[in-house]
Amino acid sequence: MAKPDRNRVLRLLPIVVGGLAGFLLLINRLLTPQLTDSQARSDALGVIISAVLILTGLLWQQVQPRSPDAVDLIGEEGFELKPDLPQDVKTELAWASHLLLTNTVTRSLVVYYQGKVLLRRGILGVNPEVKPGPILQRVLEKQKPVYLVDLKAYPGKIEFVYLPENTQGVICQPLGNKGAIILGANTPRSYTKQDETWIEGIAEKIENTLSNCLDNVAPAEI
């Protein structure tokens, strides 16, 4: 569903005002039986101002593009936690995922750690398994996030089969070198710098909890 353009009226305002002013100037000229020099100068100035307003409105239509359209992600809404996780980890993941889904443009997220999917929440993809592709591998190795602003424009999108197939934007946020949070949005170019900072802070909190609760446990036991 398309997102409403809240600035549309503002962008159209100069065109409407300029056109109305020009029309009123024309009516005034037609109804004036005798034109004086001062009125002629006033009319000329009014025509120039009306033209400038109309031109400004037309330029705003080009300079201020519409916001990207949101889509309805394909998939069922759900909340899946790995059942044998410690209770502290379950609580932490439930809290963090709720914050991310309600305070950012995220509509689907996956928490991947020590080769296991610990959580899936939001609109779920068809494939529940995460097999790290080149993008996620780079995130784990370099421990730096990757933001794919418009997923369909990247050839590497095929590795994100565990997200809804029409996911528009993706952030891979590392959890140290052992995992990552993968977040999917339903609108391209929708995460702001503030969102990225917020996500990074939550990821650090999750990483601290996971390292304290899981790192001393053998992967097979998680």
N, C-alpha and C. Protein backbone atom coordinates (compact mmCIF):
# COMPACT_ATOMS: atom_id res chain seq x y z
N MET A 1 0.85 -1.18 0.00
CA MET A 1 0.00 0.00 0.00
C MET A 1 0.88 1.23 0.00
N ALA A 2 0.56 2.23 -0.83
CA ALA A 2 1.39 3.42 -0.95
C ALA A 2 1.30 4.27 0.31
N LYS A 3 2.42 4.79 0.70
CA LYS A 3 2.48 5.67 1.85
C LYS A 3 1.99 7.06 1.44
N PRO A 4 1.08 7.71 2.25
CA PRO A 4 0.58 9.03 1.87
C PRO A 4 1.70 10.06 1.85
N ASP A 5 1.66 10.95 0.84
CA ASP A 5 2.67 11.99 0.70
C ASP A 5 2.18 13.23 1.45
N ARG A 6 2.72 13.45 2.65
CA ARG A 6 2.25 14.54 3.50
C ARG A 6 2.67 15.91 2.97
N ASN A 7 3.67 15.99 2.12
CA ASN A 7 4.14 17.28 1.63
C ASN A 7 3.52 17.67 0.30
N ARG A 8 2.60 16.88 -0.21
CA ARG A 8 2.03 17.15 -1.54
C ARG A 8 1.33 18.51 -1.58
N VAL A 9 0.52 18.82 -0.56
CA VAL A 9 -0.21 20.09 -0.54
C VAL A 9 0.77 21.26 -0.47
N LEU A 10 1.81 21.12 0.34
CA LEU A 10 2.80 22.20 0.46
C LEU A 10 3.49 22.45 -0.87
N ARG A 11 3.82 21.38 -1.61
CA ARG A 11 4.50 21.53 -2.89
C ARG A 11 3.60 22.16 -3.96
N LEU A 12 2.30 21.92 -3.84
CA LEU A 12 1.35 22.46 -4.81
C LEU A 12 0.94 23.90 -4.50
N LEU A 13 1.17 24.35 -3.26
CA LEU A 13 0.70 25.66 -2.84
C LEU A 13 1.21 26.81 -3.71
N PRO A 14 2.52 26.90 -4.04
CA PRO A 14 2.97 28.01 -4.90
C PRO A 14 2.29 28.03 -6.26
N ILE A 15 2.02 26.84 -6.85
CA ILE A 15 1.37 26.79 -8.15
C ILE A 15 -0.06 27.33 -8.06
N VAL A 16 -0.77 26.91 -7.00
CA VAL A 16 -2.15 27.35 -6.83
C VAL A 16 -2.21 28.85 -6.58
N VAL A 17 -1.37 29.35 -5.67
CA VAL A 17 -1.37 30.79 -5.35
C VAL A 17 -0.96 31.62 -6.57
N GLY A 18 0.09 31.18 -7.27
CA GLY A 18 0.54 31.91 -8.45
C GLY A 18 -0.51 31.94 -9.55
N GLY A 19 -1.16 30.81 -9.79
CA GLY A 19 -2.20 30.75 -10.81
C GLY A 19 -3.40 31.61 -10.46
N LEU A 20 -3.81 31.57 -9.17
CA LEU A 20 -4.95 32.38 -8.73
C LEU A 20 -4.65 33.87 -8.83
N ALA A 21 -3.43 34.25 -8.43
CA ALA A 21 -3.05 35.66 -8.51
C ALA A 21 -3.03 36.15 -9.96
N GLY A 22 -2.48 35.32 -10.85
CA GLY A 22 -2.46 35.70 -12.26
C GLY A 22 -3.87 35.84 -12.83
N PHE A 23 -4.78 34.94 -12.44
CA PHE A 23 -6.16 35.01 -12.92
C PHE A 23 -6.86 36.28 -12.43
N LEU A 24 -6.63 36.62 -11.15
CA LEU A 24 -7.26 37.83 -10.60
C LEU A 24 -6.70 39.09 -11.26
N LEU A 25 -5.40 39.09 -11.58
CA LEU A 25 -4.82 40.23 -12.30
C LEU A 25 -5.48 40.41 -13.67
N LEU A 26 -5.72 39.29 -14.35
CA LEU A 26 -6.37 39.35 -15.67
C LEU A 26 -7.78 39.90 -15.55
N ILE A 27 -8.56 39.43 -14.58
CA ILE A 27 -9.92 39.92 -14.38
C ILE A 27 -9.91 41.41 -14.07
N ASN A 28 -8.96 41.81 -13.19
CA ASN A 28 -8.87 43.23 -12.83
C ASN A 28 -8.55 44.08 -14.06
N ARG A 29 -7.69 43.61 -14.94
CA ARG A 29 -7.33 44.36 -16.15
C ARG A 29 -8.54 44.49 -17.09
N LEU A 30 -9.31 43.39 -17.22
CA LEU A 30 -10.46 43.43 -18.12
C LEU A 30 -11.57 44.34 -17.62
N LEU A 31 -11.66 44.48 -16.30
CA LEU A 31 -12.75 45.29 -15.72
C LEU A 31 -12.34 46.74 -15.51
N THR A 32 -11.10 47.08 -15.83
CA THR A 32 -10.64 48.45 -15.66
C THR A 32 -10.86 49.23 -16.95
N PRO A 33 -11.73 50.27 -16.94
CA PRO A 33 -12.03 51.00 -18.18
C PRO A 33 -10.86 51.83 -18.69
N GLN A 34 -10.07 52.39 -17.76
CA GLN A 34 -8.95 53.22 -18.18
C GLN A 34 -7.72 52.83 -17.38
N LEU A 35 -6.67 52.45 -18.07
CA LEU A 35 -5.45 51.95 -17.43
C LEU A 35 -4.48 53.10 -17.18
N THR A 36 -4.06 53.26 -15.94
CA THR A 36 -3.07 54.28 -15.60
C THR A 36 -1.67 53.69 -15.64
N ASP A 37 -0.67 54.56 -15.66
CA ASP A 37 0.73 54.09 -15.68
C ASP A 37 1.06 53.31 -14.42
N SER A 38 0.59 53.78 -13.27
CA SER A 38 0.90 53.10 -12.01
C SER A 38 0.27 51.71 -11.97
N GLN A 39 -0.96 51.61 -12.51
CA GLN A 39 -1.61 50.30 -12.54
C GLN A 39 -0.88 49.35 -13.49
N ALA A 40 -0.40 49.87 -14.60
CA ALA A 40 0.33 49.04 -15.55
C ALA A 40 1.60 48.48 -14.90
N ARG A 41 2.28 49.34 -14.13
CA ARG A 41 3.50 48.86 -13.44
C ARG A 41 3.14 47.81 -12.39
N SER A 42 2.04 48.04 -11.67
CA SER A 42 1.61 47.08 -10.64
C SER A 42 1.23 45.75 -11.27
N ASP A 43 0.54 45.81 -12.41
CA ASP A 43 0.16 44.58 -13.10
C ASP A 43 1.38 43.80 -13.58
N ALA A 44 2.36 44.52 -14.10
CA ALA A 44 3.58 43.86 -14.58
C ALA A 44 4.30 43.17 -13.42
N LEU A 45 4.38 43.88 -12.28
CA LEU A 45 5.03 43.28 -11.11
C LEU A 45 4.25 42.06 -10.62
N GLY A 46 2.92 42.16 -10.64
CA GLY A 46 2.10 41.03 -10.20
C GLY A 46 2.27 39.82 -11.10
N VAL A 47 2.37 40.06 -12.41
CA VAL A 47 2.57 38.95 -13.35
C VAL A 47 3.91 38.27 -13.08
N ILE A 48 4.95 39.06 -12.81
CA ILE A 48 6.28 38.49 -12.53
C ILE A 48 6.23 37.64 -11.27
N ILE A 49 5.58 38.16 -10.22
CA ILE A 49 5.50 37.42 -8.96
C ILE A 49 4.71 36.12 -9.15
N SER A 50 3.61 36.19 -9.89
CA SER A 50 2.82 34.98 -10.14
C SER A 50 3.63 33.94 -10.90
N ALA A 51 4.39 34.40 -11.89
CA ALA A 51 5.21 33.47 -12.67
C ALA A 51 6.28 32.82 -11.81
N VAL A 52 6.89 33.61 -10.90
CA VAL A 52 7.91 33.07 -10.00
C VAL A 52 7.31 32.02 -9.08
N LEU A 53 6.10 32.27 -8.55
CA LEU A 53 5.44 31.30 -7.67
C LEU A 53 5.16 29.99 -8.41
N ILE A 54 4.63 30.12 -9.63
CA ILE A 54 4.33 28.92 -10.41
C ILE A 54 5.61 28.14 -10.72
N LEU A 55 6.67 28.84 -11.10
CA LEU A 55 7.94 28.18 -11.40
C LEU A 55 8.51 27.49 -10.16
N THR A 56 8.39 28.16 -9.00
CA THR A 56 8.86 27.56 -7.74
C THR A 56 8.11 26.27 -7.45
N GLY A 57 6.79 26.29 -7.64
CA GLY A 57 6.01 25.07 -7.41
C GLY A 57 6.40 23.94 -8.33
N LEU A 58 6.65 24.27 -9.60
CA LEU A 58 7.07 23.23 -10.55
C LEU A 58 8.43 22.66 -10.18
N LEU A 59 9.34 23.52 -9.73
CA LEU A 59 10.67 23.04 -9.31
C LEU A 59 10.55 22.15 -8.08
N TRP A 60 9.65 22.50 -7.16
CA TRP A 60 9.48 21.67 -5.96
C TRP A 60 8.98 20.28 -6.31
N GLN A 61 8.20 20.18 -7.37
CA GLN A 61 7.73 18.86 -7.79
C GLN A 61 8.89 17.95 -8.20
N GLN A 62 9.96 18.55 -8.71
CA GLN A 62 11.12 17.78 -9.16
C GLN A 62 12.14 17.59 -8.05
N VAL A 63 12.37 18.65 -7.26
CA VAL A 63 13.45 18.61 -6.25
C VAL A 63 13.05 17.79 -5.05
N GLN A 64 11.78 17.74 -4.70
CA GLN A 64 11.32 17.02 -3.52
C GLN A 64 10.55 15.78 -3.97
N PRO A 65 11.25 14.67 -4.22
CA PRO A 65 10.59 13.46 -4.71
C PRO A 65 9.68 12.84 -3.66
N ARG A 66 8.77 12.04 -4.11
CA ARG A 66 7.89 11.32 -3.19
C ARG A 66 8.68 10.30 -2.39
N SER A 67 8.17 10.03 -1.19
CA SER A 67 8.79 8.99 -0.37
C SER A 67 8.58 7.64 -1.04
N PRO A 68 9.53 6.70 -0.85
CA PRO A 68 9.36 5.37 -1.45
C PRO A 68 8.07 4.71 -0.95
N ASP A 69 7.46 3.94 -1.82
CA ASP A 69 6.22 3.25 -1.46
C ASP A 69 6.50 2.02 -0.61
N ALA A 70 5.68 1.84 0.41
CA ALA A 70 5.77 0.64 1.23
C ALA A 70 5.00 -0.49 0.56
N VAL A 71 5.38 -1.73 0.88
CA VAL A 71 4.68 -2.90 0.35
C VAL A 71 4.24 -3.77 1.53
N ASP A 72 3.29 -4.62 1.26
CA ASP A 72 2.89 -5.63 2.24
C ASP A 72 3.79 -6.84 2.06
N LEU A 73 4.60 -7.13 3.08
CA LEU A 73 5.52 -8.26 2.96
C LEU A 73 4.74 -9.58 2.85
N ILE A 74 5.26 -10.47 2.02
CA ILE A 74 4.62 -11.76 1.79
C ILE A 74 5.04 -12.73 2.90
N GLY A 75 4.07 -13.25 3.61
CA GLY A 75 4.36 -14.19 4.67
C GLY A 75 3.38 -14.04 5.82
N GLU A 76 3.46 -14.96 6.75
CA GLU A 76 2.60 -14.94 7.93
C GLU A 76 3.34 -14.29 9.09
N GLU A 77 2.59 -13.54 9.88
CA GLU A 77 3.19 -12.93 11.07
C GLU A 77 3.36 -14.00 12.15
N GLY A 78 4.52 -13.99 12.82
CA GLY A 78 4.77 -14.99 13.84
C GLY A 78 5.86 -14.58 14.81
N PHE A 79 6.06 -15.41 15.80
CA PHE A 79 7.07 -15.18 16.83
C PHE A 79 7.61 -16.54 17.25
N GLU A 80 8.83 -16.86 16.80
CA GLU A 80 9.43 -18.16 17.07
C GLU A 80 10.73 -17.98 17.86
N LEU A 81 10.79 -18.61 19.02
CA LEU A 81 11.99 -18.63 19.85
C LEU A 81 12.50 -20.06 19.96
N LYS A 82 13.80 -20.23 19.91
CA LYS A 82 14.37 -21.57 20.11
C LYS A 82 13.97 -22.04 21.52
N PRO A 83 13.28 -23.15 21.62
CA PRO A 83 12.64 -23.52 22.90
C PRO A 83 13.61 -23.81 24.05
N ASP A 84 14.82 -24.29 23.75
CA ASP A 84 15.71 -24.70 24.84
C ASP A 84 16.69 -23.61 25.27
N LEU A 85 16.40 -22.37 24.94
CA LEU A 85 17.26 -21.27 25.39
C LEU A 85 17.03 -20.99 26.87
N PRO A 86 18.06 -20.49 27.56
CA PRO A 86 17.85 -20.05 28.95
C PRO A 86 16.77 -18.97 29.02
N GLN A 87 16.08 -18.92 30.14
CA GLN A 87 14.97 -17.97 30.28
C GLN A 87 15.44 -16.53 30.14
N ASP A 88 16.64 -16.21 30.67
CA ASP A 88 17.15 -14.84 30.54
C ASP A 88 17.33 -14.45 29.08
N VAL A 89 17.79 -15.39 28.27
CA VAL A 89 18.00 -15.12 26.85
C VAL A 89 16.64 -14.93 26.16
N LYS A 90 15.68 -15.78 26.47
CA LYS A 90 14.35 -15.63 25.88
C LYS A 90 13.75 -14.27 26.19
N THR A 91 13.87 -13.85 27.45
CA THR A 91 13.32 -12.55 27.86
C THR A 91 14.01 -11.41 27.11
N GLU A 92 15.34 -11.50 27.02
CA GLU A 92 16.11 -10.46 26.34
C GLU A 92 15.73 -10.37 24.86
N LEU A 93 15.64 -11.51 24.19
CA LEU A 93 15.32 -11.51 22.77
C LEU A 93 13.89 -11.02 22.51
N ALA A 94 12.97 -11.42 23.38
CA ALA A 94 11.58 -10.97 23.21
C ALA A 94 11.48 -9.46 23.39
N TRP A 95 12.17 -8.94 24.41
CA TRP A 95 12.16 -7.49 24.67
C TRP A 95 12.79 -6.72 23.50
N ALA A 96 13.96 -7.16 23.08
CA ALA A 96 14.69 -6.44 22.03
C ALA A 96 13.94 -6.47 20.71
N SER A 97 13.40 -7.63 20.35
CA SER A 97 12.70 -7.74 19.07
C SER A 97 11.44 -6.88 19.07
N HIS A 98 10.76 -6.81 20.22
CA HIS A 98 9.56 -5.95 20.31
C HIS A 98 9.94 -4.49 20.08
N LEU A 99 11.03 -4.04 20.69
CA LEU A 99 11.47 -2.65 20.52
C LEU A 99 11.81 -2.36 19.06
N LEU A 100 12.50 -3.28 18.41
CA LEU A 100 12.91 -3.06 17.02
C LEU A 100 11.71 -3.02 16.08
N LEU A 101 10.72 -3.86 16.34
CA LEU A 101 9.55 -3.91 15.46
C LEU A 101 8.61 -2.73 15.67
N THR A 102 8.63 -2.16 16.86
CA THR A 102 7.69 -1.07 17.16
C THR A 102 8.32 0.31 17.06
N ASN A 103 9.65 0.41 17.06
CA ASN A 103 10.30 1.72 17.06
C ASN A 103 11.14 1.99 15.81
N THR A 104 11.23 1.04 14.91
CA THR A 104 11.91 1.25 13.64
C THR A 104 11.00 0.76 12.52
N VAL A 105 11.48 0.88 11.28
CA VAL A 105 10.68 0.43 10.13
C VAL A 105 10.78 -1.08 9.92
N THR A 106 11.45 -1.79 10.82
CA THR A 106 11.62 -3.24 10.71
C THR A 106 10.26 -3.95 10.73
N ARG A 107 10.08 -4.88 9.81
CA ARG A 107 8.85 -5.68 9.78
C ARG A 107 9.15 -7.18 9.93
N SER A 108 10.42 -7.54 9.79
CA SER A 108 10.81 -8.95 9.92
C SER A 108 12.23 -8.99 10.46
N LEU A 109 12.48 -9.87 11.43
CA LEU A 109 13.85 -9.96 11.94
C LEU A 109 14.20 -11.38 12.35
N VAL A 110 15.49 -11.66 12.26
CA VAL A 110 16.04 -12.97 12.60
C VAL A 110 17.28 -12.74 13.44
N VAL A 111 17.40 -13.52 14.53
CA VAL A 111 18.62 -13.49 15.35
C VAL A 111 19.35 -14.82 15.12
N TYR A 112 20.57 -14.69 14.63
CA TYR A 112 21.39 -15.85 14.28
C TYR A 112 22.66 -15.80 15.14
N TYR A 113 22.96 -16.94 15.84
CA TYR A 113 24.11 -16.94 16.76
C TYR A 113 24.66 -18.35 16.88
N GLN A 114 25.97 -18.46 16.80
CA GLN A 114 26.66 -19.75 16.90
C GLN A 114 26.07 -20.80 15.95
N GLY A 115 25.74 -20.35 14.72
CA GLY A 115 25.24 -21.27 13.72
C GLY A 115 23.80 -21.68 13.89
N LYS A 116 23.08 -21.06 14.83
CA LYS A 116 21.69 -21.42 15.09
C LYS A 116 20.79 -20.20 14.95
N VAL A 117 19.55 -20.43 14.55
CA VAL A 117 18.54 -19.38 14.56
C VAL A 117 17.88 -19.37 15.93
N LEU A 118 18.10 -18.28 16.68
CA LEU A 118 17.54 -18.21 18.03
C LEU A 118 16.14 -17.61 18.03
N LEU A 119 15.88 -16.73 17.07
CA LEU A 119 14.58 -16.06 17.06
C LEU A 119 14.20 -15.65 15.64
N ARG A 120 12.92 -15.78 15.34
CA ARG A 120 12.32 -15.18 14.14
C ARG A 120 11.04 -14.48 14.60
N ARG A 121 10.86 -13.25 14.13
CA ARG A 121 9.68 -12.50 14.58
C ARG A 121 9.26 -11.50 13.52
N GLY A 122 7.99 -11.15 13.54
CA GLY A 122 7.43 -10.25 12.54
C GLY A 122 6.83 -11.07 11.41
N ILE A 123 6.98 -10.59 10.17
CA ILE A 123 6.54 -11.35 9.00
C ILE A 123 7.62 -12.38 8.70
N LEU A 124 7.28 -13.65 8.77
CA LEU A 124 8.26 -14.72 8.65
C LEU A 124 8.44 -15.15 7.19
N GLY A 125 9.68 -15.40 6.83
CA GLY A 125 9.97 -15.97 5.52
C GLY A 125 9.63 -17.45 5.49
N VAL A 126 9.58 -18.01 4.29
CA VAL A 126 9.22 -19.42 4.14
C VAL A 126 10.32 -20.32 4.68
N ASN A 127 11.58 -19.97 4.46
CA ASN A 127 12.70 -20.80 4.88
C ASN A 127 13.15 -20.41 6.29
N PRO A 128 13.06 -21.30 7.28
CA PRO A 128 13.44 -20.95 8.65
C PRO A 128 14.95 -21.03 8.91
N GLU A 129 15.72 -21.59 7.99
CA GLU A 129 17.15 -21.78 8.22
C GLU A 129 17.97 -20.62 7.65
N VAL A 130 19.05 -20.29 8.36
CA VAL A 130 19.98 -19.27 7.89
C VAL A 130 21.28 -19.93 7.46
N LYS A 131 21.59 -19.81 6.19
CA LYS A 131 22.87 -20.28 5.68
C LYS A 131 23.65 -19.04 5.23
N PRO A 132 24.66 -18.62 6.01
CA PRO A 132 25.35 -17.37 5.71
C PRO A 132 25.92 -17.34 4.30
N GLY A 133 25.53 -16.33 3.54
CA GLY A 133 26.09 -16.09 2.22
C GLY A 133 27.23 -15.08 2.33
N PRO A 134 27.73 -14.59 1.21
CA PRO A 134 28.87 -13.67 1.23
C PRO A 134 28.64 -12.41 2.06
N ILE A 135 27.44 -11.87 2.02
CA ILE A 135 27.17 -10.62 2.76
C ILE A 135 27.21 -10.86 4.25
N LEU A 136 26.48 -11.88 4.71
CA LEU A 136 26.48 -12.16 6.14
C LEU A 136 27.84 -12.63 6.62
N GLN A 137 28.56 -13.39 5.82
CA GLN A 137 29.91 -13.81 6.18
C GLN A 137 30.82 -12.61 6.39
N ARG A 138 30.70 -11.62 5.53
CA ARG A 138 31.53 -10.42 5.67
C ARG A 138 31.18 -9.67 6.95
N VAL A 139 29.90 -9.63 7.28
CA VAL A 139 29.48 -8.98 8.53
C VAL A 139 30.10 -9.67 9.73
N LEU A 140 30.09 -11.01 9.72
CA LEU A 140 30.65 -11.77 10.83
C LEU A 140 32.16 -11.60 10.92
N GLU A 141 32.83 -11.58 9.79
CA GLU A 141 34.29 -11.48 9.80
C GLU A 141 34.77 -10.08 10.19
N LYS A 142 34.15 -9.07 9.64
CA LYS A 142 34.59 -7.69 9.89
C LYS A 142 33.91 -7.08 11.11
N GLN A 143 32.82 -7.70 11.56
CA GLN A 143 32.05 -7.21 12.71
C GLN A 143 31.60 -5.77 12.49
N LYS A 144 31.17 -5.50 11.26
CA LYS A 144 30.63 -4.19 10.91
C LYS A 144 29.30 -4.39 10.20
N PRO A 145 28.31 -3.55 10.50
CA PRO A 145 26.99 -3.74 9.89
C PRO A 145 26.99 -3.43 8.40
N VAL A 146 26.06 -4.03 7.70
CA VAL A 146 25.83 -3.76 6.28
C VAL A 146 24.37 -3.38 6.12
N TYR A 147 24.14 -2.25 5.44
CA TYR A 147 22.78 -1.80 5.16
C TYR A 147 22.55 -1.83 3.66
N LEU A 148 21.66 -2.70 3.23
CA LEU A 148 21.27 -2.80 1.82
C LEU A 148 20.00 -1.97 1.65
N VAL A 149 20.14 -0.77 1.12
CA VAL A 149 19.05 0.20 1.14
C VAL A 149 17.88 -0.19 0.24
N ASP A 150 18.17 -0.91 -0.83
CA ASP A 150 17.13 -1.35 -1.77
C ASP A 150 17.49 -2.76 -2.21
N LEU A 151 16.97 -3.75 -1.49
CA LEU A 151 17.45 -5.12 -1.63
C LEU A 151 17.35 -5.65 -3.05
N LYS A 152 16.29 -5.28 -3.75
CA LYS A 152 16.10 -5.85 -5.11
C LYS A 152 17.19 -5.40 -6.08
N ALA A 153 17.94 -4.36 -5.72
CA ALA A 153 19.00 -3.87 -6.61
C ALA A 153 20.32 -4.60 -6.41
N TYR A 154 20.39 -5.49 -5.42
CA TYR A 154 21.64 -6.18 -5.10
C TYR A 154 21.57 -7.64 -5.56
N PRO A 155 22.57 -8.10 -6.32
CA PRO A 155 22.59 -9.52 -6.73
C PRO A 155 22.64 -10.46 -5.52
N GLY A 156 23.25 -9.98 -4.41
CA GLY A 156 23.38 -10.83 -3.22
C GLY A 156 22.08 -11.06 -2.47
N LYS A 157 20.98 -10.51 -2.97
CA LYS A 157 19.70 -10.66 -2.27
C LYS A 157 19.28 -12.12 -2.16
N ILE A 158 19.81 -12.99 -3.03
CA ILE A 158 19.38 -14.39 -3.04
C ILE A 158 19.75 -15.12 -1.76
N GLU A 159 20.69 -14.58 -0.99
CA GLU A 159 21.07 -15.28 0.25
C GLU A 159 20.07 -15.04 1.37
N PHE A 160 19.18 -14.06 1.20
CA PHE A 160 18.24 -13.74 2.28
C PHE A 160 16.91 -14.45 2.08
N VAL A 161 16.97 -15.73 1.79
CA VAL A 161 15.75 -16.51 1.54
C VAL A 161 14.96 -16.75 2.83
N TYR A 162 15.57 -16.47 3.97
CA TYR A 162 14.88 -16.65 5.24
C TYR A 162 14.05 -15.43 5.62
N LEU A 163 14.09 -14.37 4.80
CA LEU A 163 13.23 -13.20 4.98
C LEU A 163 12.10 -13.28 3.96
N PRO A 164 11.03 -12.50 4.14
CA PRO A 164 9.97 -12.47 3.12
C PRO A 164 10.54 -12.14 1.74
N GLU A 165 10.02 -12.74 0.71
CA GLU A 165 10.63 -12.64 -0.62
C GLU A 165 10.60 -11.23 -1.19
N ASN A 166 9.67 -10.38 -0.74
CA ASN A 166 9.63 -9.01 -1.26
C ASN A 166 10.15 -7.98 -0.25
N THR A 167 11.04 -8.42 0.63
CA THR A 167 11.68 -7.49 1.57
C THR A 167 12.39 -6.38 0.78
N GLN A 168 12.22 -5.14 1.21
CA GLN A 168 12.72 -4.00 0.45
C GLN A 168 14.10 -3.52 0.91
N GLY A 169 14.36 -3.56 2.19
CA GLY A 169 15.65 -3.12 2.72
C GLY A 169 16.09 -4.03 3.84
N VAL A 170 17.42 -4.21 3.98
CA VAL A 170 17.95 -5.15 4.98
C VAL A 170 19.13 -4.52 5.71
N ILE A 171 19.16 -4.73 7.01
CA ILE A 171 20.35 -4.41 7.82
C ILE A 171 20.84 -5.70 8.45
N CYS A 172 22.13 -5.98 8.28
CA CYS A 172 22.78 -7.08 8.98
C CYS A 172 23.66 -6.47 10.07
N GLN A 173 23.24 -6.62 11.31
CA GLN A 173 23.94 -6.02 12.44
C GLN A 173 24.68 -7.12 13.21
N PRO A 174 26.01 -7.04 13.29
CA PRO A 174 26.76 -8.14 13.92
C PRO A 174 26.52 -8.24 15.42
N LEU A 175 26.62 -9.47 15.90
CA LEU A 175 26.66 -9.76 17.35
C LEU A 175 28.05 -10.34 17.61
N GLY A 176 29.06 -9.47 17.63
CA GLY A 176 30.44 -9.94 17.69
C GLY A 176 30.77 -10.67 16.40
N ASN A 177 31.55 -11.75 16.52
CA ASN A 177 31.89 -12.54 15.33
C ASN A 177 31.16 -13.88 15.32
N LYS A 178 30.14 -14.01 16.18
CA LYS A 178 29.45 -15.29 16.31
C LYS A 178 28.02 -15.25 15.80
N GLY A 179 27.55 -14.07 15.45
CA GLY A 179 26.17 -14.00 15.00
C GLY A 179 25.79 -12.63 14.51
N ALA A 180 24.52 -12.48 14.21
CA ALA A 180 24.02 -11.21 13.68
C ALA A 180 22.51 -11.15 13.85
N ILE A 181 22.02 -9.91 13.87
CA ILE A 181 20.59 -9.67 13.74
C ILE A 181 20.36 -9.25 12.30
N ILE A 182 19.44 -9.89 11.64
CA ILE A 182 19.09 -9.53 10.27
C ILE A 182 17.70 -8.93 10.30
N LEU A 183 17.60 -7.67 9.89
CA LEU A 183 16.35 -6.94 9.96
C LEU A 183 15.86 -6.59 8.56
N GLY A 184 14.59 -6.83 8.30
CA GLY A 184 14.01 -6.53 6.99
C GLY A 184 12.93 -5.48 7.10
N ALA A 185 12.93 -4.53 6.15
CA ALA A 185 11.93 -3.46 6.10
C ALA A 185 11.05 -3.62 4.88
N ASN A 186 9.87 -3.02 4.93
CA ASN A 186 8.94 -3.11 3.80
C ASN A 186 9.00 -1.89 2.89
N THR A 187 9.99 -1.01 3.13
CA THR A 187 10.17 0.18 2.32
C THR A 187 11.65 0.36 2.02
N PRO A 188 12.05 0.62 0.78
CA PRO A 188 13.47 0.85 0.51
C PRO A 188 13.92 2.21 1.06
N ARG A 189 15.21 2.31 1.38
CA ARG A 189 15.82 3.55 1.85
C ARG A 189 15.06 4.14 3.03
N SER A 190 14.63 3.29 3.94
CA SER A 190 13.75 3.74 5.02
C SER A 190 14.43 3.86 6.38
N TYR A 191 15.55 3.17 6.58
CA TYR A 191 16.25 3.28 7.86
C TYR A 191 17.03 4.59 7.91
N THR A 192 16.88 5.34 8.98
CA THR A 192 17.61 6.58 9.18
C THR A 192 18.88 6.31 9.99
N LYS A 193 19.74 7.31 10.07
CA LYS A 193 20.94 7.19 10.91
C LYS A 193 20.56 6.95 12.37
N GLN A 194 19.48 7.57 12.79
CA GLN A 194 19.01 7.35 14.16
C GLN A 194 18.59 5.90 14.36
N ASP A 195 17.90 5.33 13.35
CA ASP A 195 17.52 3.92 13.42
C ASP A 195 18.76 3.03 13.52
N GLU A 196 19.77 3.32 12.70
CA GLU A 196 20.98 2.51 12.70
C GLU A 196 21.68 2.57 14.05
N THR A 197 21.72 3.76 14.65
CA THR A 197 22.33 3.90 15.98
C THR A 197 21.53 3.13 17.03
N TRP A 198 20.22 3.21 16.94
CA TRP A 198 19.32 2.50 17.86
C TRP A 198 19.53 0.98 17.73
N ILE A 199 19.60 0.49 16.52
CA ILE A 199 19.80 -0.94 16.27
C ILE A 199 21.15 -1.39 16.81
N GLU A 200 22.18 -0.59 16.59
CA GLU A 200 23.52 -0.94 17.08
C GLU A 200 23.54 -1.05 18.61
N GLY A 201 22.86 -0.13 19.29
CA GLY A 201 22.81 -0.17 20.75
C GLY A 201 22.10 -1.41 21.27
N ILE A 202 20.98 -1.76 20.65
CA ILE A 202 20.25 -2.96 21.07
C ILE A 202 21.07 -4.21 20.80
N ALA A 203 21.76 -4.23 19.66
CA ALA A 203 22.59 -5.39 19.32
C ALA A 203 23.70 -5.59 20.34
N GLU A 204 24.31 -4.51 20.81
CA GLU A 204 25.35 -4.63 21.83
C GLU A 204 24.79 -5.23 23.11
N LYS A 205 23.57 -4.83 23.48
CA LYS A 205 22.93 -5.39 24.67
C LYS A 205 22.65 -6.88 24.49
N ILE A 206 22.13 -7.26 23.32
CA ILE A 206 21.86 -8.68 23.05
C ILE A 206 23.16 -9.48 23.06
N GLU A 207 24.20 -8.94 22.42
CA GLU A 207 25.48 -9.65 22.37
C GLU A 207 26.02 -9.91 23.78
N ASN A 208 25.90 -8.93 24.65
CA ASN A 208 26.37 -9.10 26.03
C ASN A 208 25.62 -10.23 26.73
N THR A 209 24.30 -10.26 26.55
CA THR A 209 23.50 -11.33 27.18
C THR A 209 23.84 -12.70 26.60
N LEU A 210 23.96 -12.78 25.30
CA LEU A 210 24.26 -14.07 24.67
C LEU A 210 25.64 -14.58 25.04
N SER A 211 26.62 -13.68 25.08
CA SER A 211 27.97 -14.11 25.43
C SER A 211 28.03 -14.60 26.87
N ASN A 212 27.28 -13.97 27.75
CA ASN A 212 27.27 -14.38 29.16
C ASN A 212 26.54 -15.70 29.38
N CYS A 213 25.49 -15.92 28.59
CA CYS A 213 24.63 -17.09 28.83
C CYS A 213 24.95 -18.29 27.95
N LEU A 214 25.50 -18.03 26.75
CA LEU A 214 25.64 -19.12 25.78
C LEU A 214 27.08 -19.47 25.43
N ASP A 215 27.99 -18.56 25.58
CA ASP A 215 29.34 -18.81 25.09
C ASP A 215 30.08 -19.92 25.83
N ASN A 216 29.64 -20.22 27.04
CA ASN A 216 30.26 -21.32 27.79
C ASN A 216 29.51 -22.63 27.59
N VAL A 217 28.52 -22.60 26.70
CA VAL A 217 27.73 -23.80 26.42
C VAL A 217 28.16 -24.33 25.05
N ALA A 218 28.34 -25.62 24.93
CA ALA A 218 28.72 -26.22 23.65
C ALA A 218 27.64 -25.95 22.63
N PRO A 219 27.99 -25.61 21.36
CA PRO A 219 27.01 -25.30 20.34
C PRO A 219 25.92 -26.35 20.20
N ALA A 220 26.26 -27.62 20.37
CA ALA A 220 25.28 -28.69 20.22
C ALA A 220 24.21 -28.64 21.30
N GLU A 221 24.55 -27.97 22.45
CA GLU A 221 23.59 -27.91 23.55
C GLU A 221 22.68 -26.72 23.47
N ILE A 222 22.95 -25.75 22.54
CA ILE A 222 22.14 -24.55 22.47
C ILE A 222 20.84 -24.84 21.72
